[in-house]
Amino acid sequence: MPNTKSASKRLRQNERRRVRNKGERSRLKTAIKRVRTASEPQEASVAFHEASKLIDRAAGRGLIHQNQASRSKSRLASHVRKVGGSV
């Protein structure tokens, strides 16, 4: 339990951020999974562009590290090319 007023405020803020970050991470994972499970080249390309936007946004907000974002996008792009879609 927090002992001071500022500590209790910090606790409330952290809880709000934790819930928001959890939702964002979930959306990110779902978008990446859509790219991985896409069977059609066109579908994979569209899913990649959506996932790429979400990955960049997550990295910009500090949800994931910039290197992790670059690595994820690179791996997804190579997967899309393997399926036959354009990046």
PDB file of N, CA and C in Angstrom:
ATOM      1  N   MET A   1       0.839  -1.183   0.000  1.00  0.00           N
ATOM      2  CA  MET A   1       0.000   0.000   0.000  1.00  0.00           C
ATOM      3  C   MET A   1       0.884   1.247   0.000  1.00  0.00           C
ATOM      4  N   PRO A   2       0.486   2.247  -0.761  1.00  0.00           N
ATOM      5  CA  PRO A   2       1.266   3.484  -0.795  1.00  0.00           C
ATOM      6  C   PRO A   2       1.106   4.272   0.505  1.00  0.00           C
ATOM      7  N   ASN A   3       2.184   4.943   0.873  1.00  0.00           N
ATOM      8  CA  ASN A   3       2.178   5.701   2.118  1.00  0.00           C
ATOM      9  C   ASN A   3       1.876   7.177   1.912  1.00  0.00           C
ATOM     10  N   THR A   4       2.144   7.677   0.723  1.00  0.00           N
ATOM     11  CA  THR A   4       1.937   9.106   0.480  1.00  0.00           C
ATOM     12  C   THR A   4       0.910   9.308  -0.623  1.00  0.00           C
ATOM     13  N   LYS A   5       0.459  10.558  -0.711  1.00  0.00           N
ATOM     14  CA  LYS A   5      -0.527  10.909  -1.728  1.00  0.00           C
ATOM     15  C   LYS A   5       0.050  10.738  -3.133  1.00  0.00           C
ATOM     16  N   SER A   6       1.301  11.145  -3.299  1.00  0.00           N
ATOM     17  CA  SER A   6       1.931  11.021  -4.618  1.00  0.00           C
ATOM     18  C   SER A   6       2.162   9.558  -4.988  1.00  0.00           C
ATOM     19  N   ALA A   7       2.447   8.734  -4.011  1.00  0.00           N
ATOM     20  CA  ALA A   7       2.647   7.310  -4.284  1.00  0.00           C
ATOM     21  C   ALA A   7       1.335   6.647  -4.687  1.00  0.00           C
ATOM     22  N   SER A   8       0.238   7.065  -4.088  1.00  0.00           N
ATOM     23  CA  SER A   8      -1.052   6.483  -4.473  1.00  0.00           C
ATOM     24  C   SER A   8      -1.454   6.927  -5.872  1.00  0.00           C
ATOM     25  N   LYS A   9      -1.123   8.166  -6.224  1.00  0.00           N
ATOM     26  CA  LYS A   9      -1.396   8.639  -7.582  1.00  0.00           C
ATOM     27  C   LYS A   9      -0.551   7.847  -8.585  1.00  0.00           C
ATOM     28  N   ARG A  10       0.704   7.632  -8.257  1.00  0.00           N
ATOM     29  CA  ARG A  10       1.591   6.865  -9.126  1.00  0.00           C
ATOM     30  C   ARG A  10       1.041   5.444  -9.325  1.00  0.00           C
ATOM     31  N   LEU A  11       0.501   4.860  -8.270  1.00  0.00           N
ATOM     32  CA  LEU A  11      -0.096   3.528  -8.351  1.00  0.00           C
ATOM     33  C   LEU A  11      -1.276   3.513  -9.316  1.00  0.00           C
ATOM     34  N   ARG A  12      -2.128   4.540  -9.232  1.00  0.00           N
ATOM     35  CA  ARG A  12      -3.276   4.624 -10.137  1.00  0.00           C
ATOM     36  C   ARG A  12      -2.831   4.793 -11.586  1.00  0.00           C
ATOM     37  N   GLN A  13      -1.832   5.657 -11.793  1.00  0.00           N
ATOM     38  CA  GLN A  13      -1.334   5.882 -13.149  1.00  0.00           C
ATOM     39  C   GLN A  13      -0.730   4.610 -13.740  1.00  0.00           C
ATOM     40  N   ASN A  14       0.056   3.917 -12.928  1.00  0.00           N
ATOM     41  CA  ASN A  14       0.694   2.690 -13.402  1.00  0.00           C
ATOM     42  C   ASN A  14      -0.336   1.633 -13.778  1.00  0.00           C
ATOM     43  N   GLU A  15      -1.408   1.554 -13.011  1.00  0.00           N
ATOM     44  CA  GLU A  15      -2.454   0.573 -13.312  1.00  0.00           C
ATOM     45  C   GLU A  15      -3.143   0.905 -14.634  1.00  0.00           C
ATOM     46  N   ARG A  16      -3.452   2.187 -14.854  1.00  0.00           N
ATOM     47  CA  ARG A  16      -4.070   2.594 -16.118  1.00  0.00           C
ATOM     48  C   ARG A  16      -3.155   2.277 -17.298  1.00  0.00           C
ATOM     49  N   ARG A  17      -1.870   2.581 -17.137  1.00  0.00           N
ATOM     50  CA  ARG A  17      -0.912   2.326 -18.214  1.00  0.00           C
ATOM     51  C   ARG A  17      -0.743   0.837 -18.471  1.00  0.00           C
ATOM     52  N   ARG A  18      -0.737   0.037 -17.404  1.00  0.00           N
ATOM     53  CA  ARG A  18      -0.577  -1.404 -17.543  1.00  0.00           C
ATOM     54  C   ARG A  18      -1.722  -1.989 -18.365  1.00  0.00           C
ATOM     55  N   VAL A  19      -2.933  -1.560 -18.077  1.00  0.00           N
ATOM     56  CA  VAL A  19      -4.103  -2.066 -18.801  1.00  0.00           C
ATOM     57  C   VAL A  19      -4.051  -1.630 -20.266  1.00  0.00           C
ATOM     58  N   ARG A  20      -3.699  -0.375 -20.496  1.00  0.00           N
ATOM     59  CA  ARG A  20      -3.619   0.125 -21.877  1.00  0.00           C
ATOM     60  C   ARG A  20      -2.520  -0.603 -22.650  1.00  0.00           C
ATOM     61  N   ASN A  21      -1.351  -0.782 -22.022  1.00  0.00           N
ATOM     62  CA  ASN A  21      -0.246  -1.467 -22.694  1.00  0.00           C
ATOM     63  C   ASN A  21      -0.589  -2.914 -23.005  1.00  0.00           C
ATOM     64  N   LYS A  22      -1.318  -3.555 -22.103  1.00  0.00           N
ATOM     65  CA  LYS A  22      -1.707  -4.940 -22.325  1.00  0.00           C
ATOM     66  C   LYS A  22      -2.579  -5.047 -23.573  1.00  0.00           C
ATOM     67  N   GLY A  23      -3.517  -4.121 -23.726  1.00  0.00           N
ATOM     68  CA  GLY A  23      -4.373  -4.107 -24.903  1.00  0.00           C
ATOM     69  C   GLY A  23      -3.592  -3.857 -26.178  1.00  0.00           C
ATOM     70  N   GLU A  24      -2.656  -2.929 -26.114  1.00  0.00           N
ATOM     71  CA  GLU A  24      -1.845  -2.612 -27.292  1.00  0.00           C
ATOM     72  C   GLU A  24      -0.970  -3.794 -27.694  1.00  0.00           C
ATOM     73  N   ARG A  25      -0.372  -4.459 -26.694  1.00  0.00           N
ATOM     74  CA  ARG A  25       0.450  -5.635 -26.987  1.00  0.00           C
ATOM     75  C   ARG A  25      -0.389  -6.739 -27.624  1.00  0.00           C
ATOM     76  N   SER A  26      -1.603  -6.883 -27.135  1.00  0.00           N
ATOM     77  CA  SER A  26      -2.493  -7.905 -27.678  1.00  0.00           C
ATOM     78  C   SER A  26      -2.839  -7.601 -29.135  1.00  0.00           C
ATOM     79  N   ARG A  27      -3.153  -6.346 -29.433  1.00  0.00           N
ATOM     80  CA  ARG A  27      -3.440  -5.951 -30.820  1.00  0.00           C
ATOM     81  C   ARG A  27      -2.233  -6.202 -31.719  1.00  0.00           C
ATOM     82  N   LEU A  28      -1.051  -5.911 -31.184  1.00  0.00           N
ATOM     83  CA  LEU A  28       0.184  -6.097 -31.937  1.00  0.00           C
ATOM     84  C   LEU A  28       0.409  -7.571 -32.258  1.00  0.00           C
ATOM     85  N   LYS A  29       0.245  -8.423 -31.265  1.00  0.00           N
ATOM     86  CA  LYS A  29       0.431  -9.859 -31.468  1.00  0.00           C
ATOM     87  C   LYS A  29      -0.579 -10.409 -32.470  1.00  0.00           C
ATOM     88  N   THR A  30      -1.814  -9.932 -32.387  1.00  0.00           N
ATOM     89  CA  THR A  30      -2.853 -10.388 -33.311  1.00  0.00           C
ATOM     90  C   THR A  30      -2.513  -9.983 -34.742  1.00  0.00           C
ATOM     91  N   ALA A  31      -2.034  -8.753 -34.926  1.00  0.00           N
ATOM     92  CA  ALA A  31      -1.677  -8.279 -36.266  1.00  0.00           C
ATOM     93  C   ALA A  31      -0.531  -9.104 -36.842  1.00  0.00           C
ATOM     94  N   ILE A  32       0.446  -9.429 -36.004  1.00  0.00           N
ATOM     95  CA  ILE A  32       1.582 -10.237 -36.462  1.00  0.00           C
ATOM     96  C   ILE A  32       1.112 -11.639 -36.821  1.00  0.00           C
ATOM     97  N   LYS A  33       0.202 -12.182 -36.024  1.00  0.00           N
ATOM     98  CA  LYS A  33      -0.325 -13.523 -36.286  1.00  0.00           C
ATOM     99  C   LYS A  33      -1.100 -13.545 -37.603  1.00  0.00           C
ATOM    100  N   ARG A  34      -1.821 -12.464 -37.912  1.00  0.00           N
ATOM    101  CA  ARG A  34      -2.561 -12.401 -39.180  1.00  0.00           C
ATOM    102  C   ARG A  34      -1.611 -12.498 -40.370  1.00  0.00           C
ATOM    103  N   VAL A  35      -0.445 -11.856 -40.254  1.00  0.00           N
ATOM    104  CA  VAL A  35       0.529 -11.926 -41.349  1.00  0.00           C
ATOM    105  C   VAL A  35       1.045 -13.349 -41.475  1.00  0.00           C
ATOM    106  N   ARG A  36       1.366 -13.963 -40.359  1.00  0.00           N
ATOM    107  CA  ARG A  36       1.921 -15.324 -40.359  1.00  0.00           C
ATOM    108  C   ARG A  36       0.942 -16.365 -40.912  1.00  0.00           C
ATOM    109  N   THR A  37      -0.350 -16.177 -40.637  1.00  0.00           N
ATOM    110  CA  THR A  37      -1.331 -17.187 -41.041  1.00  0.00           C
ATOM    111  C   THR A  37      -1.973 -16.890 -42.392  1.00  0.00           C
ATOM    112  N   ALA A  38      -1.622 -15.766 -43.012  1.00  0.00           N
ATOM    113  CA  ALA A  38      -2.214 -15.425 -44.311  1.00  0.00           C
ATOM    114  C   ALA A  38      -1.727 -16.413 -45.364  1.00  0.00           C
ATOM    115  N   SER A  39      -2.665 -16.936 -46.122  1.00  0.00           N
ATOM    116  CA  SER A  39      -2.305 -17.914 -47.148  1.00  0.00           C
ATOM    117  C   SER A  39      -2.213 -17.280 -48.536  1.00  0.00           C
ATOM    118  N   GLU A  40      -3.003 -16.259 -48.776  1.00  0.00           N
ATOM    119  CA  GLU A  40      -2.992 -15.571 -50.069  1.00  0.00           C
ATOM    120  C   GLU A  40      -1.938 -14.456 -50.063  1.00  0.00           C
ATOM    121  N   PRO A  41      -1.229 -14.275 -51.171  1.00  0.00           N
ATOM    122  CA  PRO A  41      -0.208 -13.215 -51.232  1.00  0.00           C
ATOM    123  C   PRO A  41      -0.782 -11.816 -50.989  1.00  0.00           C
ATOM    124  N   GLN A  42      -1.946 -11.536 -51.579  1.00  0.00           N
ATOM    125  CA  GLN A  42      -2.560 -10.215 -51.405  1.00  0.00           C
ATOM    126  C   GLN A  42      -2.950  -9.994 -49.951  1.00  0.00           C
ATOM    127  N   GLU A  43      -3.527 -11.014 -49.347  1.00  0.00           N
ATOM    128  CA  GLU A  43      -3.939 -10.933 -47.946  1.00  0.00           C
ATOM    129  C   GLU A  43      -2.725 -10.721 -47.042  1.00  0.00           C
ATOM    130  N   ALA A  44      -1.625 -11.401 -47.344  1.00  0.00           N
ATOM    131  CA  ALA A  44      -0.397 -11.262 -46.557  1.00  0.00           C
ATOM    132  C   ALA A  44       0.165  -9.845 -46.667  1.00  0.00           C
ATOM    133  N   SER A  45       0.116  -9.276 -47.878  1.00  0.00           N
ATOM    134  CA  SER A  45       0.636  -7.918 -48.078  1.00  0.00           C
ATOM    135  C   SER A  45      -0.163  -6.890 -47.293  1.00  0.00           C
ATOM    136  N   VAL A  46      -1.477  -7.006 -47.348  1.00  0.00           N
ATOM    137  CA  VAL A  46      -2.340  -6.065 -46.621  1.00  0.00           C
ATOM    138  C   VAL A  46      -2.121  -6.207 -45.116  1.00  0.00           C
ATOM    139  N   ALA A  47      -2.052  -7.448 -44.648  1.00  0.00           N
ATOM    140  CA  ALA A  47      -1.841  -7.693 -43.221  1.00  0.00           C
ATOM    141  C   ALA A  47      -0.477  -7.173 -42.779  1.00  0.00           C
ATOM    142  N   PHE A  48       0.521  -7.294 -43.661  1.00  0.00           N
ATOM    143  CA  PHE A  48       1.859  -6.801 -43.323  1.00  0.00           C
ATOM    144  C   PHE A  48       1.862  -5.286 -43.147  1.00  0.00           C
ATOM    145  N   HIS A  49       1.185  -4.582 -44.021  1.00  0.00           N
ATOM    146  CA  HIS A  49       1.164  -3.121 -43.912  1.00  0.00           C
ATOM    147  C   HIS A  49       0.468  -2.675 -42.631  1.00  0.00           C
ATOM    148  N   GLU A  50      -0.605  -3.351 -42.264  1.00  0.00           N
ATOM    149  CA  GLU A  50      -1.297  -3.028 -41.011  1.00  0.00           C
ATOM    150  C   GLU A  50      -0.399  -3.331 -39.812  1.00  0.00           C
ATOM    151  N   ALA A  51       0.243  -4.489 -39.826  1.00  0.00           N
ATOM    152  CA  ALA A  51       1.117  -4.881 -38.721  1.00  0.00           C
ATOM    153  C   ALA A  51       2.313  -3.939 -38.620  1.00  0.00           C
ATOM    154  N   SER A  52       2.824  -3.531 -39.760  1.00  0.00           N
ATOM    155  CA  SER A  52       3.972  -2.630 -39.779  1.00  0.00           C
ATOM    156  C   SER A  52       3.637  -1.301 -39.109  1.00  0.00           C
ATOM    157  N   LYS A  53       2.444  -0.792 -39.388  1.00  0.00           N
ATOM    158  CA  LYS A  53       2.005   0.459 -38.744  1.00  0.00           C
ATOM    159  C   LYS A  53       1.930   0.293 -37.236  1.00  0.00           C
ATOM    160  N   LEU A  54       1.325  -0.812 -36.801  1.00  0.00           N
ATOM    161  CA  LEU A  54       1.180  -1.048 -35.364  1.00  0.00           C
ATOM    162  C   LEU A  54       2.530  -1.239 -34.681  1.00  0.00           C
ATOM    163  N   ILE A  55       3.445  -1.921 -35.355  1.00  0.00           N
ATOM    164  CA  ILE A  55       4.777  -2.135 -34.786  1.00  0.00           C
ATOM    165  C   ILE A  55       5.499  -0.807 -34.622  1.00  0.00           C
ATOM    166  N   ASP A  56       5.448   0.041 -35.652  1.00  0.00           N
ATOM    167  CA  ASP A  56       6.101   1.351 -35.562  1.00  0.00           C
ATOM    168  C   ASP A  56       5.494   2.201 -34.462  1.00  0.00           C
ATOM    169  N   ARG A  57       4.176   2.160 -34.333  1.00  0.00           N
ATOM    170  CA  ARG A  57       3.502   2.933 -33.299  1.00  0.00           C
ATOM    171  C   ARG A  57       3.906   2.448 -31.906  1.00  0.00           C
ATOM    172  N   ALA A  58       3.984   1.139 -31.741  1.00  0.00           N
ATOM    173  CA  ALA A  58       4.361   0.561 -30.452  1.00  0.00           C
ATOM    174  C   ALA A  58       5.795   0.949 -30.088  1.00  0.00           C
ATOM    175  N   ALA A  59       6.678   0.955 -31.067  1.00  0.00           N
ATOM    176  CA  ALA A  59       8.065   1.331 -30.811  1.00  0.00           C
ATOM    177  C   ALA A  59       8.171   2.823 -30.474  1.00  0.00           C
ATOM    178  N   GLY A  60       7.389   3.623 -31.151  1.00  0.00           N
ATOM    179  CA  GLY A  60       7.409   5.055 -30.882  1.00  0.00           C
ATOM    180  C   GLY A  60       6.909   5.400 -29.497  1.00  0.00           C
ATOM    181  N   ARG A  61       5.986   4.618 -28.991  1.00  0.00           N
ATOM    182  CA  ARG A  61       5.427   4.860 -27.657  1.00  0.00           C
ATOM    183  C   ARG A  61       6.215   4.175 -26.554  1.00  0.00           C
ATOM    184  N   GLY A  62       7.250   3.421 -26.929  1.00  0.00           N
ATOM    185  CA  GLY A  62       8.072   2.761 -25.923  1.00  0.00           C
ATOM    186  C   GLY A  62       7.506   1.434 -25.445  1.00  0.00           C
ATOM    187  N   LEU A  63       6.509   0.929 -26.144  1.00  0.00           N
ATOM    188  CA  LEU A  63       5.910  -0.348 -25.766  1.00  0.00           C
ATOM    189  C   LEU A  63       6.875  -1.499 -26.064  1.00  0.00           C
ATOM    190  N   ILE A  64       7.570  -1.404 -27.196  1.00  0.00           N
ATOM    191  CA  ILE A  64       8.627  -2.348 -27.528  1.00  0.00           C
ATOM    192  C   ILE A  64       9.852  -1.544 -27.940  1.00  0.00           C
ATOM    193  N   HIS A  65      11.009  -2.172 -27.913  1.00  0.00           N
ATOM    194  CA  HIS A  65      12.250  -1.501 -28.276  1.00  0.00           C
ATOM    195  C   HIS A  65      12.326  -1.328 -29.793  1.00  0.00           C
ATOM    196  N   GLN A  66      13.020  -0.291 -30.228  1.00  0.00           N
ATOM    197  CA  GLN A  66      13.133  -0.005 -31.660  1.00  0.00           C
ATOM    198  C   GLN A  66      13.790  -1.160 -32.408  1.00  0.00           C
ATOM    199  N   ASN A  67      14.794  -1.794 -31.796  1.00  0.00           N
ATOM    200  CA  ASN A  67      15.449  -2.929 -32.454  1.00  0.00           C
ATOM    201  C   ASN A  67      14.497  -4.106 -32.602  1.00  0.00           C
ATOM    202  N   GLN A  68      13.670  -4.324 -31.612  1.00  0.00           N
ATOM    203  CA  GLN A  68      12.688  -5.404 -31.697  1.00  0.00           C
ATOM    204  C   GLN A  68      11.691  -5.117 -32.810  1.00  0.00           C
ATOM    205  N   ALA A  69      11.303  -3.857 -32.942  1.00  0.00           N
ATOM    206  CA  ALA A  69      10.372  -3.477 -34.005  1.00  0.00           C
ATOM    207  C   ALA A  69      10.991  -3.737 -35.374  1.00  0.00           C
ATOM    208  N   SER A  70      12.236  -3.333 -35.552  1.00  0.00           N
ATOM    209  CA  SER A  70      12.913  -3.539 -36.833  1.00  0.00           C
ATOM    210  C   SER A  70      13.059  -5.015 -37.141  1.00  0.00           C
ATOM    211  N   ARG A  71      13.411  -5.793 -36.126  1.00  0.00           N
ATOM    212  CA  ARG A  71      13.579  -7.234 -36.317  1.00  0.00           C
ATOM    213  C   ARG A  71      12.253  -7.892 -36.704  1.00  0.00           C
ATOM    214  N   SER A  72      11.182  -7.506 -36.033  1.00  0.00           N
ATOM    215  CA  SER A  72       9.860  -8.077 -36.334  1.00  0.00           C
ATOM    216  C   SER A  72       9.435  -7.739 -37.756  1.00  0.00           C
ATOM    217  N   LYS A  73       9.603  -6.481 -38.146  1.00  0.00           N
ATOM    218  CA  LYS A  73       9.210  -6.069 -39.493  1.00  0.00           C
ATOM    219  C   LYS A  73      10.035  -6.783 -40.555  1.00  0.00           C
ATOM    220  N   SER A  74      11.320  -6.962 -40.293  1.00  0.00           N
ATOM    221  CA  SER A  74      12.182  -7.641 -41.242  1.00  0.00           C
ATOM    222  C   SER A  74      11.762  -9.099 -41.420  1.00  0.00           C
ATOM    223  N   ARG A  75      11.489  -9.763 -40.318  1.00  0.00           N
ATOM    224  CA  ARG A  75      11.090 -11.168 -40.386  1.00  0.00           C
ATOM    225  C   ARG A  75       9.731 -11.323 -41.065  1.00  0.00           C
ATOM    226  N   LEU A  76       8.822 -10.408 -40.769  1.00  0.00           N
ATOM    227  CA  LEU A  76       7.505 -10.473 -41.409  1.00  0.00           C
ATOM    228  C   LEU A  76       7.619 -10.212 -42.913  1.00  0.00           C
ATOM    229  N   ALA A  77       8.477  -9.253 -43.279  1.00  0.00           N
ATOM    230  CA  ALA A  77       8.648  -8.926 -44.693  1.00  0.00           C
ATOM    231  C   ALA A  77       9.209 -10.124 -45.456  1.00  0.00           C
ATOM    232  N   SER A  78      10.167 -10.819 -44.869  1.00  0.00           N
ATOM    233  CA  SER A  78      10.714 -11.985 -45.540  1.00  0.00           C
ATOM    234  C   SER A  78       9.670 -13.093 -45.658  1.00  0.00           C
ATOM    235  N   HIS A  79       8.819 -13.204 -44.661  1.00  0.00           N
ATOM    236  CA  HIS A  79       7.740 -14.194 -44.712  1.00  0.00           C
ATOM    237  C   HIS A  79       6.750 -13.845 -45.835  1.00  0.00           C
ATOM    238  N   VAL A  80       6.400 -12.577 -45.953  1.00  0.00           N
ATOM    239  CA  VAL A  80       5.467 -12.148 -47.001  1.00  0.00           C
ATOM    240  C   VAL A  80       6.054 -12.419 -48.368  1.00  0.00           C
ATOM    241  N   ARG A  81       7.355 -12.130 -48.538  1.00  0.00           N
ATOM    242  CA  ARG A  81       8.002 -12.408 -49.818  1.00  0.00           C
ATOM    243  C   ARG A  81       7.995 -13.893 -50.143  1.00  0.00           C
ATOM    244  N   LYS A  82       8.185 -14.723 -49.110  1.00  0.00           N
ATOM    245  CA  LYS A  82       8.181 -16.175 -49.305  1.00  0.00           C
ATOM    246  C   LYS A  82       6.806 -16.666 -49.753  1.00  0.00           C
ATOM    247  N   VAL A  83       5.749 -16.059 -49.202  1.00  0.00           N
ATOM    248  CA  VAL A  83       4.382 -16.425 -49.585  1.00  0.00           C
ATOM    249  C   VAL A  83       4.099 -15.974 -51.015  1.00  0.00           C
ATOM    250  N   GLY A  84       4.768 -14.920 -51.453  1.00  0.00           N
ATOM    251  CA  GLY A  84       4.581 -14.450 -52.812  1.00  0.00           C
ATOM    252  C   GLY A  84       3.982 -13.061 -52.895  1.00  0.00           C
ATOM    253  N   GLY A  85       3.798 -12.424 -51.752  1.00  0.00           N
ATOM    254  CA  GLY A  85       3.238 -11.080 -51.742  1.00  0.00           C
ATOM    255  C   GLY A  85       4.309 -10.022 -51.897  1.00  0.00           C
ATOM    256  N   SER A  86       3.871  -8.801 -52.110  1.00  0.00           N
ATOM    257  CA  SER A  86       4.814  -7.690 -52.217  1.00  0.00           C
ATOM    258  C   SER A  86       4.849  -6.942 -50.893  1.00  0.00           C
ATOM    259  N   VAL A  87       6.012  -6.412 -50.590  1.00  0.00           N
ATOM    260  CA  VAL A  87       6.197  -5.716 -49.310  1.00  0.00           C
ATOM    261  C   VAL A  87       6.038  -4.237 -49.473  1.00  0.00           C
TER     262      VAL A  87
END
